[in-house]
Amino acid sequence: MTELPPTAARLPRASRLARRFDRLRVKLFLAIAGTNAVVAAVAYLLFSLSFDRGLMEYVHRNDLARLDTLVAALASDYRREGGWQTAVEDREAWMERVRDALGLPQRDGEPSPMPPREFPLTVDPRLMLFDAERQLLIGRAERAREAVLKPIHVDGATVGYLGYVPHTWLFESIARLASLQQHGSFAAIGVGMLAAALLLGAGLAQWLTRRIRALAGATAALSRGDYDIRLNVSGHDELAQLARDFNRLASTLAATRRARTQWVADIAHELRTPLAVLRGEIEALQDGVRPLSAESLASLAQETARLHRLVDDLHLLSTSDLGALSYHTRPLDTAEVLDEVVRAHRLPLKERGLTAELDLQAGIVLGDAARLAQVYGNLMQNTLRYTDAGGRLRIGCRTQGEHVLVEWEDSSPGVPESELPHLTERLYRVDGSRNRASGGSGLGLAIAKAIVEAHHGTMTPSPSELGGLRWRIVFPRHG
């Protein structure tokens, strides 16, 4: 016997039963099957009522149509004979006239020359004839009060009335008999519709909940850290779109985990290198391999400064990710910020033999001057570090519609186009060697991009016409 979980065992039986039925599959089944069952019941009632009423109306209309034929025949007899004497004196002739006019069989069994109607007349035994003053000529006097009168016209004058007493009990018996037959048919149809509703509800509920259960299972696996799980997507409905969104979410989480792992490994590598250098030099000083001199202290200070810059850059990026990096924005001319950065680096540019070409036009943006100077300073360090000696640097700034465009280009060497999308990734180097002799920590461009995006701008790399790298930075224009 299967044991219930401890929590479920403590629940009352009614609560456990309620929880068992509180499932999406059961709700869908009840909703679909219940709706179809209600539709079947309503259709059965409407069909039954409309059939009963329609049958009675049909019988009455049929009888009235047949009586119109008899009224026309009686009018013809009155015109030919000049009165009702023949009909009154010869009752046999009256009955034959009735049978003949209504298309009923004659007494000798010969059929009437009149074609029979669709439905046999049920009121002929109760027909009556009245004169123009509504005096009874033919028929039962005790039923005259119940008769329905139809006028007989000859040459525009009313010469008499044809009366009849409807057989209400016969109408009702026919209606009941037909109604019972039709109710049986309607009941069979209703049962069939109900069975189809149950099957359809069960099938739809199973189909829908199977996909939802698959999504729930995948979500549970994702919450446990299985980011490689994927759902099979088929169709174009909302559940299929939800499955596609789930797969994209799983892919994003998997990429984030890989990036986080790589990020931790890269940080450890970047920190380990200066720490190893510091440790080696300190041990050399302790062991007396190297004398304690100004040169050895300068080397230690250099590695310490490099380590300090790396920690500062990491802290800056972390603060930016948290949205806690402070910005003191005001309207400013980004061309002035660019000019100040170039002026501050004239000596390093001269030492590297690089020629700076400036085409700076006013471009007013809403920004933080210190942060924008940090962006351009990082680009300048990138140019100084990688551009061949004797090369060129071209910087342009102009207003273009609702934007301010800054272009930063340097000469060779260039960057392969396949590497361009990765330049602003953290700790990324084109050579992949992690050699600190030619490059920094690999965080400068990532920091620059974060600051530009905080100013609602974009920063895009591309090959430069000078043979090196071009950065296109676009800010929203202010004012």
Protein backbone atom coordinates (compact mmCIF):
# COMPACT_ATOMS: atom_id res chain seq x y z
CA MET A 1 0.00 0.00 0.00
CA THR A 2 1.37 3.39 -0.99
CA GLU A 3 2.09 5.64 1.98
CA LEU A 4 1.13 9.27 1.82
CA PRO A 5 3.71 11.96 2.53
CA PRO A 6 3.71 13.11 6.18
CA THR A 7 2.12 16.46 5.29
CA ALA A 8 -0.60 14.83 3.23
CA ALA A 9 -1.29 12.25 5.93
CA ARG A 10 -2.10 14.99 8.42
CA LEU A 11 -4.66 16.59 6.12
CA PRO A 12 -8.35 15.67 6.53
CA ARG A 13 -9.77 13.35 3.92
CA ALA A 14 -11.95 16.14 2.46
CA SER A 15 -8.90 18.38 2.09
CA ARG A 16 -6.89 15.64 0.40
CA LEU A 17 -9.78 15.02 -1.97
CA ALA A 18 -10.06 18.74 -2.71
CA ARG A 19 -6.34 18.92 -3.43
CA ARG A 20 -6.59 15.91 -5.71
CA PHE A 21 -9.23 17.68 -7.77
CA ASP A 22 -7.45 21.02 -7.62
CA ARG A 23 -5.42 20.21 -10.69
CA LEU A 24 -5.30 21.93 -14.02
CA ARG A 25 -6.10 18.73 -15.91
CA VAL A 26 -9.27 18.18 -13.85
CA LYS A 27 -10.30 21.81 -14.18
CA LEU A 28 -9.83 21.79 -17.93
CA PHE A 29 -11.76 18.55 -18.25
CA LEU A 30 -14.65 19.85 -16.14
CA ALA A 31 -14.70 23.16 -17.98
CA ILE A 32 -14.72 21.65 -21.47
CA ALA A 33 -17.00 18.71 -20.70
CA GLY A 34 -19.34 20.84 -18.55
CA THR A 35 -19.68 23.48 -21.25
CA ASN A 36 -20.50 20.90 -23.89
CA ALA A 37 -22.94 19.16 -21.55
CA VAL A 38 -24.78 22.42 -20.89
CA VAL A 39 -24.88 23.15 -24.63
CA ALA A 40 -26.30 19.67 -25.28
CA ALA A 41 -28.98 20.09 -22.57
CA VAL A 42 -30.03 23.51 -23.81
CA ALA A 43 -30.14 22.28 -27.39
CA TYR A 44 -32.31 19.32 -26.32
CA LEU A 45 -34.79 21.60 -24.53
CA LEU A 46 -34.96 24.11 -27.37
CA PHE A 47 -35.42 21.39 -30.00
CA SER A 48 -38.14 19.71 -27.94
CA LEU A 49 -40.10 22.90 -27.32
CA SER A 50 -39.80 24.11 -30.88
CA PHE A 51 -40.84 20.71 -32.25
CA ASP A 52 -43.95 20.45 -30.05
CA ARG A 53 -45.07 23.95 -30.89
CA GLY A 54 -44.23 23.59 -34.56
CA LEU A 55 -46.15 20.33 -34.86
CA MET A 56 -49.35 21.84 -33.45
CA GLU A 57 -49.04 24.85 -35.69
CA TYR A 58 -48.45 22.62 -38.69
CA VAL A 59 -51.56 20.53 -38.00
CA HIS A 60 -53.73 23.64 -37.65
CA ARG A 61 -52.33 25.23 -40.80
CA ASN A 62 -52.86 22.00 -42.72
CA ASP A 63 -56.50 21.71 -41.62
CA LEU A 64 -57.23 25.34 -42.41
CA ALA A 65 -55.76 24.93 -45.87
CA ARG A 66 -58.02 21.91 -46.51
CA LEU A 67 -61.07 23.79 -45.25
CA ASP A 68 -60.34 26.57 -47.75
CA THR A 69 -60.78 24.00 -50.50
CA LEU A 70 -64.15 22.96 -49.06
CA VAL A 71 -65.27 26.60 -48.71
CA ALA A 72 -64.48 27.18 -52.40
CA ALA A 73 -66.47 24.04 -53.38
CA LEU A 74 -69.47 25.11 -51.26
CA ALA A 75 -69.44 28.58 -52.81
CA SER A 76 -69.51 26.97 -56.25
CA ASP A 77 -72.51 24.78 -55.24
CA TYR A 78 -74.38 27.81 -53.84
CA ARG A 79 -73.83 29.76 -57.06
CA ARG A 80 -75.04 26.83 -59.17
CA GLU A 81 -78.09 25.91 -57.08
CA GLY A 82 -78.99 29.35 -55.74
CA GLY A 83 -79.13 28.29 -52.09
CA TRP A 84 -78.45 25.63 -49.48
CA GLN A 85 -81.63 23.51 -49.98
CA THR A 86 -79.92 20.64 -51.74
CA ALA A 87 -77.24 20.38 -49.11
CA VAL A 88 -79.81 20.53 -46.27
CA GLU A 89 -82.28 18.03 -47.78
CA ASP A 90 -79.74 15.54 -49.07
CA ARG A 91 -77.28 14.76 -46.27
CA GLU A 92 -75.67 12.00 -48.32
CA ALA A 93 -74.86 14.51 -51.05
CA TRP A 94 -73.43 16.81 -48.34
CA MET A 95 -71.09 14.09 -47.09
CA GLU A 96 -70.01 13.20 -50.62
CA ARG A 97 -69.34 16.85 -51.32
CA VAL A 98 -67.21 17.06 -48.18
CA ARG A 99 -65.23 13.94 -49.07
CA ASP A 100 -64.85 15.05 -52.65
CA ALA A 101 -63.65 18.53 -51.74
CA LEU A 102 -61.19 17.28 -49.13
CA GLY A 103 -59.79 14.45 -51.21
CA LEU A 104 -61.06 11.69 -48.89
CA PRO A 105 -62.18 8.22 -50.08
CA GLN A 106 -65.85 7.87 -51.12
CA ARG A 107 -68.17 5.43 -49.41
CA ASP A 108 -67.80 2.88 -52.23
CA GLY A 109 -64.06 2.85 -51.67
CA GLU A 110 -63.26 4.77 -54.83
CA PRO A 111 -60.78 7.51 -54.27
CA SER A 112 -61.81 11.09 -54.76
CA PRO A 113 -60.77 12.74 -58.01
CA MET A 114 -59.13 15.44 -55.87
CA PRO A 115 -55.49 14.67 -55.09
CA PRO A 116 -54.97 13.82 -51.42
CA ARG A 117 -53.19 16.29 -49.16
CA GLU A 118 -49.98 15.61 -47.25
CA PHE A 119 -51.74 15.20 -43.94
CA PRO A 120 -55.15 13.52 -43.40
CA LEU A 121 -57.87 15.91 -42.24
CA THR A 122 -58.93 15.14 -38.69
CA VAL A 123 -61.97 17.40 -38.34
CA ASP A 124 -64.40 16.28 -41.09
CA PRO A 125 -66.83 14.46 -38.67
CA ARG A 126 -67.36 17.78 -36.93
CA LEU A 127 -68.06 20.02 -39.91
CA MET A 128 -71.11 22.32 -39.79
CA LEU A 129 -72.91 24.59 -42.25
CA PHE A 130 -74.46 27.92 -41.25
CA ASP A 131 -76.51 30.35 -43.36
CA ALA A 132 -75.74 34.04 -43.75
CA GLU A 133 -77.48 34.78 -40.42
CA ARG A 134 -75.34 32.11 -38.73
CA GLN A 135 -78.27 29.78 -38.27
CA LEU A 136 -77.19 26.14 -38.11
CA LEU A 137 -78.23 24.20 -41.24
CA ILE A 138 -76.09 21.03 -40.94
CA GLY A 139 -74.34 19.68 -37.92
CA ARG A 140 -74.75 19.02 -34.23
CA ALA A 141 -76.51 21.84 -32.46
CA GLU A 142 -74.90 21.01 -29.10
CA ARG A 143 -71.42 21.66 -30.58
CA ALA A 144 -72.33 24.80 -32.52
CA ARG A 145 -71.04 27.08 -29.79
CA GLU A 146 -67.57 25.48 -30.09
CA ALA A 147 -67.38 25.80 -33.85
CA VAL A 148 -64.87 28.01 -35.62
CA LEU A 149 -66.57 29.78 -38.54
CA LYS A 150 -65.10 30.41 -41.99
CA PRO A 151 -67.21 32.71 -44.22
CA ILE A 152 -68.42 31.56 -47.65
CA HIS A 153 -68.43 34.37 -50.21
CA VAL A 154 -70.31 34.43 -53.52
CA ASP A 155 -69.93 37.48 -55.77
CA GLY A 156 -68.62 39.52 -52.86
CA ALA A 157 -71.50 38.69 -50.48
CA THR A 158 -71.35 36.36 -47.48
CA VAL A 159 -73.89 33.61 -48.11
CA GLY A 160 -72.99 31.30 -45.23
CA TYR A 161 -70.36 29.93 -42.92
CA LEU A 162 -68.48 26.66 -42.74
CA GLY A 163 -67.97 25.70 -39.11
CA TYR A 164 -65.73 23.10 -37.59
CA VAL A 165 -64.88 21.89 -34.11
CA PRO A 166 -61.15 21.05 -33.80
CA HIS A 167 -60.27 17.67 -32.36
CA THR A 168 -57.96 19.05 -29.70
CA TRP A 169 -57.50 15.67 -28.06
CA LEU A 170 -56.51 14.12 -31.37
CA PHE A 171 -54.04 16.92 -32.06
CA GLU A 172 -52.52 16.42 -28.64
CA SER A 173 -52.27 12.64 -29.05
CA ILE A 174 -50.53 13.02 -32.40
CA ALA A 175 -48.25 15.66 -30.94
CA ARG A 176 -47.46 13.45 -27.95
CA LEU A 177 -46.72 10.46 -30.14
CA ALA A 178 -44.46 12.43 -32.47
CA SER A 179 -42.91 14.26 -29.53
CA LEU A 180 -42.05 10.98 -27.82
CA GLN A 181 -40.40 9.74 -30.97
CA GLN A 182 -38.49 12.97 -31.46
CA HIS A 183 -37.57 13.18 -27.79
CA GLY A 184 -36.03 9.75 -28.10
CA SER A 185 -34.04 10.93 -31.10
CA PHE A 186 -33.05 14.14 -29.32
CA ALA A 187 -32.09 12.18 -26.22
CA ALA A 188 -29.88 9.87 -28.29
CA ILE A 189 -28.28 12.89 -29.93
CA GLY A 190 -27.78 14.52 -26.52
CA VAL A 191 -26.17 11.40 -25.09
CA GLY A 192 -23.91 11.24 -28.13
CA MET A 193 -22.97 14.90 -27.71
CA LEU A 194 -22.31 14.34 -24.02
CA ALA A 195 -20.10 11.33 -24.73
CA ALA A 196 -18.26 13.32 -27.41
CA ALA A 197 -17.87 16.19 -24.93
CA LEU A 198 -16.39 13.88 -22.32
CA LEU A 199 -13.95 12.37 -24.80
CA LEU A 200 -13.05 15.77 -26.22
CA GLY A 201 -12.61 17.25 -22.74
CA ALA A 202 -10.44 14.36 -21.61
CA GLY A 203 -8.33 14.51 -24.77
CA LEU A 204 -7.83 18.26 -24.69
CA ALA A 205 -7.10 18.27 -20.97
CA GLN A 206 -4.54 15.50 -21.38
CA TRP A 207 -2.92 17.21 -24.40
CA LEU A 208 -2.69 20.61 -22.76
CA THR A 209 -1.54 19.40 -19.35
CA ARG A 210 1.08 17.12 -20.90
CA ARG A 211 2.79 20.17 -22.39
CA ILE A 212 2.37 22.12 -19.18
CA ARG A 213 3.76 19.22 -17.13
CA ALA A 214 6.78 19.11 -19.44
CA LEU A 215 7.28 22.84 -18.90
CA ALA A 216 6.87 22.46 -15.13
CA GLY A 217 9.38 19.60 -15.05
CA ALA A 218 11.89 21.60 -17.11
CA THR A 219 11.40 24.60 -14.82
CA ALA A 220 12.08 22.44 -11.77
CA ALA A 221 15.26 21.10 -13.41
CA LEU A 222 16.30 24.66 -14.25
CA SER A 223 15.80 25.73 -10.63
CA ARG A 224 18.11 22.87 -9.59
CA GLY A 225 20.85 24.27 -11.80
CA ASP A 226 20.41 22.08 -14.89
CA TYR A 227 20.81 24.85 -17.47
CA ASP A 228 21.32 22.41 -20.35
CA ILE A 229 17.70 21.25 -20.34
CA ARG A 230 15.60 22.22 -23.37
CA LEU A 231 11.98 21.71 -24.39
CA ASN A 232 10.86 20.26 -27.71
CA VAL A 233 8.92 23.04 -29.44
CA SER A 234 6.15 22.27 -31.93
CA GLY A 235 3.41 24.54 -33.17
CA HIS A 236 2.88 28.28 -32.96
CA ASP A 237 0.40 28.69 -30.11
CA GLU A 238 0.98 30.41 -26.77
CA LEU A 239 2.38 27.27 -25.13
CA ALA A 240 4.85 26.83 -28.00
CA GLN A 241 5.92 30.47 -27.60
CA LEU A 242 6.29 29.91 -23.86
CA ALA A 243 8.50 26.89 -24.56
CA ARG A 244 10.67 28.97 -26.90
CA ASP A 245 10.98 31.67 -24.23
CA PHE A 246 11.93 28.98 -21.70
CA ASN A 247 14.66 27.66 -24.02
CA ARG A 248 16.00 31.19 -24.49
CA LEU A 249 15.97 31.69 -20.72
CA ALA A 250 17.85 28.42 -20.20
CA SER A 251 20.41 29.41 -22.85
CA THR A 252 20.86 32.82 -21.22
CA LEU A 253 21.33 31.30 -17.78
CA ALA A 254 23.81 28.77 -19.15
CA ALA A 255 25.76 31.56 -20.86
CA THR A 256 25.65 33.63 -17.68
CA ARG A 257 27.00 30.72 -15.65
CA ARG A 258 29.81 30.15 -18.15
CA ALA A 259 30.60 33.87 -18.17
CA ARG A 260 30.60 33.96 -14.37
CA THR A 261 32.93 30.97 -14.21
CA GLN A 262 35.21 32.52 -16.81
CA TRP A 263 35.03 35.86 -15.02
CA VAL A 264 36.14 34.35 -11.71
CA ALA A 265 38.93 32.43 -13.42
CA ASP A 266 40.11 35.55 -15.27
CA ILE A 267 40.07 37.66 -12.12
CA ALA A 268 42.05 35.00 -10.28
CA HIS A 269 44.57 34.95 -13.14
CA GLU A 270 44.88 38.73 -13.22
CA LEU A 271 45.39 38.93 -9.47
CA ARG A 272 47.77 35.99 -9.37
CA THR A 273 50.27 37.54 -11.79
CA PRO A 274 51.15 40.73 -9.87
CA LEU A 275 50.95 38.85 -6.56
CA ALA A 276 53.41 36.26 -7.87
CA VAL A 277 55.79 39.00 -9.00
CA LEU A 278 55.53 40.74 -5.64
CA ARG A 279 56.07 37.51 -3.76
CA GLY A 280 59.10 36.60 -5.88
CA GLU A 281 60.76 39.96 -5.44
CA ILE A 282 60.06 40.04 -1.70
CA GLU A 283 61.49 36.54 -1.26
CA ALA A 284 64.55 37.57 -3.28
CA LEU A 285 65.03 40.52 -0.94
CA GLN A 286 64.54 38.29 2.11
CA ASP A 287 67.02 35.71 0.86
CA GLY A 288 69.58 38.38 -0.03
CA VAL A 289 69.51 37.49 -3.71
CA ARG A 290 68.66 41.10 -4.50
CA PRO A 291 69.85 44.03 -2.45
CA LEU A 292 67.32 46.39 -0.91
CA SER A 293 67.75 49.39 -3.18
CA ALA A 294 65.70 52.15 -4.77
CA GLU A 295 65.43 50.09 -7.95
CA SER A 296 63.97 47.06 -6.15
CA LEU A 297 61.55 49.25 -4.19
CA ALA A 298 60.45 50.92 -7.45
CA SER A 299 59.73 47.49 -8.94
CA LEU A 300 57.65 46.58 -5.91
CA ALA A 301 55.80 49.90 -6.10
CA GLN A 302 55.10 49.35 -9.81
CA GLU A 303 53.55 45.92 -9.22
CA THR A 304 51.59 47.28 -6.26
CA ALA A 305 50.23 50.14 -8.39
CA ARG A 306 49.27 47.69 -11.13
CA LEU A 307 47.46 45.52 -8.61
CA HIS A 308 45.75 48.61 -7.17
CA ARG A 309 44.56 49.69 -10.62
CA LEU A 310 43.17 46.24 -11.30
CA VAL A 311 41.25 46.20 -8.03
CA ASP A 312 39.94 49.70 -8.71
CA ASP A 313 38.76 48.68 -12.19
CA LEU A 314 37.03 45.59 -10.84
CA HIS A 315 35.33 47.67 -8.18
CA LEU A 316 34.24 50.22 -10.79
CA LEU A 317 32.69 47.53 -13.02
CA SER A 318 30.95 45.87 -10.07
CA THR A 319 29.54 49.22 -8.97
CA SER A 320 28.34 49.90 -12.51
CA ASP A 321 26.63 46.49 -12.67
CA LEU A 322 24.82 47.25 -9.43
CA GLY A 323 23.70 50.63 -10.77
CA ALA A 324 25.44 52.35 -7.89
CA LEU A 325 28.09 54.16 -9.93
CA SER A 326 27.57 57.86 -9.27
CA TYR A 327 27.24 60.37 -12.13
CA HIS A 328 27.13 64.14 -11.80
CA THR A 329 25.50 65.07 -15.08
CA ARG A 330 25.20 68.52 -16.58
CA PRO A 331 25.06 69.95 -20.10
CA LEU A 332 28.61 69.96 -21.49
CA ASP A 333 30.49 70.11 -24.76
CA THR A 334 32.03 66.71 -25.37
CA ALA A 335 34.45 68.30 -27.86
CA GLU A 336 36.02 70.22 -24.97
CA VAL A 337 36.41 67.00 -22.98
CA LEU A 338 38.13 65.37 -25.96
CA ASP A 339 40.48 68.33 -26.40
CA GLU A 340 41.46 68.21 -22.72
CA VAL A 341 42.22 64.49 -22.89
CA VAL A 342 44.41 64.92 -25.97
CA ARG A 343 46.26 67.86 -24.35
CA ALA A 344 46.90 65.74 -21.25
CA HIS A 345 48.49 63.00 -23.38
CA ARG A 346 50.64 65.12 -25.68
CA LEU A 347 53.87 63.86 -24.11
CA PRO A 348 53.01 60.12 -24.37
CA LEU A 349 51.87 60.68 -27.95
CA LYS A 350 55.14 62.41 -28.77
CA GLU A 351 57.16 59.63 -27.14
CA ARG A 352 55.33 57.04 -29.26
CA GLY A 353 55.72 59.16 -32.37
CA LEU A 354 51.96 59.34 -32.92
CA THR A 355 50.36 62.24 -34.76
CA ALA A 356 46.96 63.40 -33.45
CA GLU A 357 44.52 64.90 -35.97
CA LEU A 358 41.51 66.64 -34.41
CA ASP A 359 38.28 67.71 -36.10
CA LEU A 360 36.20 68.78 -33.13
CA GLN A 361 32.88 70.55 -33.50
CA ALA A 362 30.62 71.50 -30.61
CA GLY A 363 28.44 68.64 -29.39
CA ILE A 364 26.31 69.33 -26.31
CA VAL A 365 25.37 66.28 -24.27
CA LEU A 366 24.01 65.70 -20.79
CA GLY A 367 26.85 63.92 -19.04
CA ASP A 368 29.49 63.64 -16.36
CA ALA A 369 32.69 65.31 -17.54
CA ALA A 370 34.94 63.17 -15.32
CA ARG A 371 33.35 59.93 -16.49
CA LEU A 372 33.52 60.92 -20.16
CA ALA A 373 37.15 61.89 -19.68
CA GLN A 374 37.70 58.41 -18.26
CA VAL A 375 36.14 56.90 -21.45
CA TYR A 376 38.41 58.93 -23.75
CA GLY A 377 41.39 58.30 -21.47
CA ASN A 378 40.86 54.54 -21.76
CA LEU A 379 40.65 54.82 -25.55
CA MET A 380 43.85 56.87 -25.51
CA GLN A 381 45.63 54.23 -23.43
CA ASN A 382 44.44 51.58 -25.88
CA THR A 383 45.85 53.60 -28.79
CA LEU A 384 49.16 54.27 -27.04
CA ARG A 385 49.53 50.64 -26.07
CA TYR A 386 48.77 48.98 -29.41
CA THR A 387 49.38 51.46 -32.26
CA ASP A 388 52.70 51.09 -34.03
CA ALA A 389 55.24 53.86 -33.51
CA GLY A 390 55.00 56.66 -36.05
CA GLY A 391 51.29 56.06 -36.56
CA ARG A 392 48.28 58.37 -36.64
CA LEU A 393 45.35 59.13 -34.36
CA ARG A 394 42.28 60.87 -35.80
CA ILE A 395 39.51 62.13 -33.52
CA GLY A 396 36.30 63.73 -34.76
CA CYS A 397 33.22 65.15 -33.05
CA ARG A 398 30.08 66.58 -34.68
CA THR A 399 26.35 66.92 -34.18
CA GLN A 400 24.25 64.70 -36.41
CA GLY A 401 20.50 65.27 -36.08
CA GLU A 402 19.40 64.36 -32.57
CA HIS A 403 22.75 62.76 -31.74
CA VAL A 404 26.33 63.70 -31.07
CA LEU A 405 28.83 61.51 -32.93
CA VAL A 406 32.38 60.87 -31.71
CA GLU A 407 34.77 58.90 -33.93
CA TRP A 408 38.13 57.66 -32.66
CA GLU A 409 40.45 56.09 -35.25
CA ASP A 410 44.06 54.96 -35.13
CA SER A 411 46.47 53.36 -37.56
CA SER A 412 47.72 49.79 -37.75
CA PRO A 413 47.79 47.20 -36.46
CA GLY A 414 44.14 46.39 -36.90
CA VAL A 415 41.87 43.88 -35.23
CA PRO A 416 40.35 40.87 -37.06
CA GLU A 417 36.64 41.45 -37.70
CA SER A 418 35.81 38.21 -35.88
CA GLU A 419 37.34 39.71 -32.72
CA LEU A 420 35.52 43.08 -32.88
CA PRO A 421 32.34 42.02 -30.98
CA HIS A 422 34.49 40.79 -28.06
CA LEU A 423 36.64 43.88 -27.52
CA THR A 424 34.40 45.29 -24.78
CA GLU A 425 34.16 42.00 -22.91
CA ARG A 426 35.81 41.99 -19.53
CA LEU A 427 39.39 40.72 -19.36
CA TYR A 428 39.36 40.02 -23.10
CA ARG A 429 42.55 40.35 -25.16
CA VAL A 430 42.82 39.83 -28.87
CA ASP A 431 45.99 37.76 -28.63
CA GLY A 432 44.51 35.58 -25.84
CA SER A 433 47.97 35.11 -24.33
CA ARG A 434 47.41 37.15 -21.16
CA ASN A 435 50.89 38.60 -21.72
CA ARG A 436 51.05 41.72 -19.58
CA ALA A 437 54.01 43.16 -21.51
CA SER A 438 51.86 44.56 -24.32
CA GLY A 439 48.49 45.06 -22.67
CA GLY A 440 46.67 46.07 -19.52
CA SER A 441 44.13 44.13 -17.56
CA GLY A 442 41.56 44.02 -20.35
CA LEU A 443 39.02 46.05 -18.38
CA GLY A 444 39.48 49.52 -19.87
CA LEU A 445 37.17 49.07 -22.87
CA ALA A 446 34.58 47.27 -20.74
CA ILE A 447 34.59 50.23 -18.33
CA ALA A 448 34.32 52.69 -21.24
CA LYS A 449 31.32 50.87 -22.67
CA ALA A 450 29.57 50.77 -19.27
CA ILE A 451 30.02 54.54 -18.86
CA VAL A 452 28.80 55.27 -22.41
CA GLU A 453 25.70 53.13 -21.92
CA ALA A 454 25.03 54.89 -18.61
CA HIS A 455 24.88 58.10 -20.71
CA HIS A 456 22.29 56.38 -22.96
CA GLY A 457 24.83 56.08 -25.75
CA THR A 458 26.36 53.33 -27.88
CA MET A 459 29.97 52.36 -28.49
CA THR A 460 30.71 50.29 -31.60
CA PRO A 461 34.09 49.09 -32.99
CA SER A 462 34.89 48.69 -36.69
CA PRO A 463 37.98 48.62 -38.95
CA SER A 464 39.54 52.03 -39.55
CA GLU A 465 40.53 53.54 -42.88
CA LEU A 466 43.90 54.28 -41.28
CA GLY A 467 44.53 50.55 -40.91
CA GLY A 468 43.77 50.22 -37.23
CA LEU A 469 40.61 50.37 -35.15
CA ARG A 470 37.73 52.83 -35.24
CA TRP A 471 35.37 53.48 -32.33
CA ARG A 472 32.04 55.10 -33.12
CA ILE A 473 30.41 56.61 -30.02
CA VAL A 474 26.91 58.09 -30.26
CA PHE A 475 25.27 60.17 -27.52
CA PRO A 476 21.81 61.75 -27.43
CA ARG A 477 22.10 65.48 -28.19
CA HIS A 478 21.03 67.79 -25.38
CA GLY A 479 18.95 70.88 -26.12
